[in-house]
Amino acid sequence: MPDNQQKQERKPRIKPIVEAADSLSLGISMVVAVLLGVGIGWLLKRWTDIGWLFWVGVFIGIAAALLNIYKAYSKQYKVFEKLAKEERYAIKKQLEDDDDEDYGEKSY
């Protein structure tokens, strides 16, 4: 039983580190996606001697980078939606008592 407790205690400590690394890796994954696309395009151009295939590879790399951005955005949006539903983060209605506030001209 002590082993199970130790494993459960470790998970909360490691999880934030993994989530932070995942967030930091977005920039790296974008660069890698574009570089892989350029590499694929270069190989296609070299193997076939068709010049425009290089640009097809570049486009594939850029599309992969944009897909990575969309996936990261979707993941964060779900997290924020979950937080918005929590009681302590909910936006409370403003009091309708406007009598306390003076919107008139201020005298100094």
C-alpha atoms as a PDB file:
ATOM      1  CA  MET A   1       0.000   0.000   0.000  1.00  0.00           C
ATOM      2  CA  PRO A   2       2.755   2.556   0.651  1.00  0.00           C
ATOM      3  CA  ASP A   3       3.897   2.189  -2.965  1.00  0.00           C
ATOM      4  CA  ASN A   4       0.438   3.167  -4.250  1.00  0.00           C
ATOM      5  CA  GLN A   5       0.386   6.230  -2.013  1.00  0.00           C
ATOM      6  CA  GLN A   6       3.804   7.297  -3.241  1.00  0.00           C
ATOM      7  CA  LYS A   7       2.708   6.950  -6.872  1.00  0.00           C
ATOM      8  CA  GLN A   8      -0.420   8.996  -6.228  1.00  0.00           C
ATOM      9  CA  GLU A   9       1.611  11.686  -4.483  1.00  0.00           C
ATOM     10  CA  ARG A  10       4.044  11.905  -7.410  1.00  0.00           C
ATOM     11  CA  LYS A  11       1.411  12.437 -10.095  1.00  0.00           C
ATOM     12  CA  PRO A  12       0.367  15.948  -9.016  1.00  0.00           C
ATOM     13  CA  ARG A  13       4.002  17.003  -8.878  1.00  0.00           C
ATOM     14  CA  ILE A  14       4.865  15.733 -12.334  1.00  0.00           C
ATOM     15  CA  LYS A  15       1.650  16.741 -14.112  1.00  0.00           C
ATOM     16  CA  PRO A  16       2.281  20.544 -14.000  1.00  0.00           C
ATOM     17  CA  ILE A  17       5.797  20.009 -15.349  1.00  0.00           C
ATOM     18  CA  VAL A  18       4.485  17.944 -18.258  1.00  0.00           C
ATOM     19  CA  GLU A  19       1.767  20.520 -19.017  1.00  0.00           C
ATOM     20  CA  ALA A  20       4.324  23.345 -18.962  1.00  0.00           C
ATOM     21  CA  ALA A  21       6.631  21.437 -21.298  1.00  0.00           C
ATOM     22  CA  ASP A  22       3.693  20.790 -23.613  1.00  0.00           C
ATOM     23  CA  SER A  23       2.933  24.503 -23.755  1.00  0.00           C
ATOM     24  CA  LEU A  24       6.561  25.400 -24.401  1.00  0.00           C
ATOM     25  CA  SER A  25       6.843  22.833 -27.143  1.00  0.00           C
ATOM     26  CA  LEU A  26       4.360  24.659 -29.397  1.00  0.00           C
ATOM     27  CA  GLY A  27       7.044  26.961 -30.780  1.00  0.00           C
ATOM     28  CA  ILE A  28       9.450  24.105 -31.266  1.00  0.00           C
ATOM     29  CA  SER A  29       6.832  21.967 -32.997  1.00  0.00           C
ATOM     30  CA  MET A  30       6.043  24.803 -35.401  1.00  0.00           C
ATOM     31  CA  VAL A  31       9.685  25.129 -36.415  1.00  0.00           C
ATOM     32  CA  VAL A  32      10.090  21.369 -36.748  1.00  0.00           C
ATOM     33  CA  ALA A  33       6.910  21.090 -38.860  1.00  0.00           C
ATOM     34  CA  VAL A  34       8.106  23.756 -41.301  1.00  0.00           C
ATOM     35  CA  LEU A  35      11.603  22.271 -41.479  1.00  0.00           C
ATOM     36  CA  LEU A  36      10.186  18.809 -42.158  1.00  0.00           C
ATOM     37  CA  GLY A  37       8.007  20.262 -44.895  1.00  0.00           C
ATOM     38  CA  VAL A  38      10.997  21.995 -46.458  1.00  0.00           C
ATOM     39  CA  GLY A  39      12.958  18.735 -46.236  1.00  0.00           C
ATOM     40  CA  ILE A  40      10.162  16.769 -47.878  1.00  0.00           C
ATOM     41  CA  GLY A  41       9.893  19.378 -50.615  1.00  0.00           C
ATOM     42  CA  TRP A  42      13.634  19.350 -51.199  1.00  0.00           C
ATOM     43  CA  LEU A  43      13.661  15.546 -51.431  1.00  0.00           C
ATOM     44  CA  LEU A  44      10.726  15.529 -53.854  1.00  0.00           C
ATOM     45  CA  LYS A  45      12.424  18.146 -56.014  1.00  0.00           C
ATOM     46  CA  ARG A  46      15.705  16.244 -55.982  1.00  0.00           C
ATOM     47  CA  TRP A  47      14.121  12.873 -56.821  1.00  0.00           C
ATOM     48  CA  THR A  48      11.792  14.127 -59.565  1.00  0.00           C
ATOM     49  CA  ASP A  49      13.540  17.276 -60.866  1.00  0.00           C
ATOM     50  CA  ILE A  50      10.200  19.115 -60.678  1.00  0.00           C
ATOM     51  CA  GLY A  51      10.812  22.524 -59.084  1.00  0.00           C
ATOM     52  CA  TRP A  52       7.327  23.263 -57.799  1.00  0.00           C
ATOM     53  CA  LEU A  53       7.309  20.130 -55.615  1.00  0.00           C
ATOM     54  CA  PHE A  54       9.636  21.997 -53.239  1.00  0.00           C
ATOM     55  CA  TRP A  55       6.858  24.539 -52.642  1.00  0.00           C
ATOM     56  CA  VAL A  56       4.365  21.734 -52.085  1.00  0.00           C
ATOM     57  CA  GLY A  57       6.586  20.501 -49.263  1.00  0.00           C
ATOM     58  CA  VAL A  58       6.862  24.017 -47.809  1.00  0.00           C
ATOM     59  CA  PHE A  59       3.075  24.341 -47.919  1.00  0.00           C
ATOM     60  CA  ILE A  60       2.686  20.977 -46.163  1.00  0.00           C
ATOM     61  CA  GLY A  61       5.067  22.133 -43.427  1.00  0.00           C
ATOM     62  CA  ILE A  62       3.215  25.427 -42.916  1.00  0.00           C
ATOM     63  CA  ALA A  63      -0.126  23.609 -42.855  1.00  0.00           C
ATOM     64  CA  ALA A  64       1.224  21.223 -40.208  1.00  0.00           C
ATOM     65  CA  ALA A  65       2.424  24.177 -38.110  1.00  0.00           C
ATOM     66  CA  LEU A  66      -1.010  25.822 -38.358  1.00  0.00           C
ATOM     67  CA  LEU A  67      -2.624  22.547 -37.355  1.00  0.00           C
ATOM     68  CA  ASN A  68      -0.395  22.443 -34.277  1.00  0.00           C
ATOM     69  CA  ILE A  69      -1.505  25.965 -33.356  1.00  0.00           C
ATOM     70  CA  TYR A  70      -5.158  25.014 -33.774  1.00  0.00           C
ATOM     71  CA  LYS A  71      -4.751  21.919 -31.603  1.00  0.00           C
ATOM     72  CA  ALA A  72      -3.043  23.912 -28.849  1.00  0.00           C
ATOM     73  CA  TYR A  73      -5.762  26.589 -29.031  1.00  0.00           C
ATOM     74  CA  SER A  74      -8.522  23.990 -28.809  1.00  0.00           C
ATOM     75  CA  LYS A  75      -6.881  22.347 -25.816  1.00  0.00           C
ATOM     76  CA  GLN A  76      -6.506  25.652 -23.959  1.00  0.00           C
ATOM     77  CA  TYR A  77     -10.056  26.705 -24.846  1.00  0.00           C
ATOM     78  CA  LYS A  78     -11.417  23.550 -23.221  1.00  0.00           C
ATOM     79  CA  VAL A  79      -9.385  24.257 -20.080  1.00  0.00           C
ATOM     80  CA  PHE A  80     -10.691  27.836 -19.911  1.00  0.00           C
ATOM     81  CA  GLU A  81     -14.273  26.678 -20.438  1.00  0.00           C
ATOM     82  CA  LYS A  82     -13.868  24.285 -17.540  1.00  0.00           C
ATOM     83  CA  LEU A  83     -12.513  27.084 -15.358  1.00  0.00           C
ATOM     84  CA  ALA A  84     -15.350  29.414 -16.332  1.00  0.00           C
ATOM     85  CA  LYS A  85     -17.877  26.913 -15.012  1.00  0.00           C
ATOM     86  CA  GLU A  86     -16.264  26.875 -11.566  1.00  0.00           C
ATOM     87  CA  GLU A  87     -18.026  28.945  -8.938  1.00  0.00           C
ATOM     88  CA  ARG A  88     -15.048  31.017  -7.872  1.00  0.00           C
ATOM     89  CA  TYR A  89     -14.286  32.172 -11.424  1.00  0.00           C
ATOM     90  CA  ALA A  90     -17.868  32.851 -12.507  1.00  0.00           C
ATOM     91  CA  ILE A  91     -18.727  36.421 -13.416  1.00  0.00           C
ATOM     92  CA  LYS A  92     -21.234  37.713 -10.938  1.00  0.00           C
ATOM     93  CA  LYS A  93     -24.018  40.084 -11.860  1.00  0.00           C
ATOM     94  CA  GLN A  94     -23.389  43.689 -11.079  1.00  0.00           C
ATOM     95  CA  LEU A  95     -25.540  45.260  -8.471  1.00  0.00           C
ATOM     96  CA  GLU A  96     -28.302  47.308  -9.991  1.00  0.00           C
ATOM     97  CA  ASP A  97     -27.964  49.925  -7.293  1.00  0.00           C
ATOM     98  CA  ASP A  98     -26.483  52.849  -9.224  1.00  0.00           C
ATOM     99  CA  ASP A  99     -27.493  55.428  -6.612  1.00  0.00           C
ATOM    100  CA  ASP A 100     -24.106  55.238  -4.922  1.00  0.00           C
ATOM    101  CA  GLU A 101     -22.237  56.334  -7.996  1.00  0.00           C
ATOM    102  CA  ASP A 102     -22.148  59.963  -9.112  1.00  0.00           C
ATOM    103  CA  TYR A 103     -21.697  60.355 -12.830  1.00  0.00           C
ATOM    104  CA  GLY A 104     -21.996  64.116 -12.739  1.00  0.00           C
ATOM    105  CA  GLU A 105     -19.317  66.725 -13.118  1.00  0.00           C
ATOM    106  CA  LYS A 106     -16.547  66.451 -10.580  1.00  0.00           C
ATOM    107  CA  SER A 107     -15.347  69.436  -8.659  1.00  0.00           C
ATOM    108  CA  TYR A 108     -11.789  69.450  -7.409  1.00  0.00           C
END
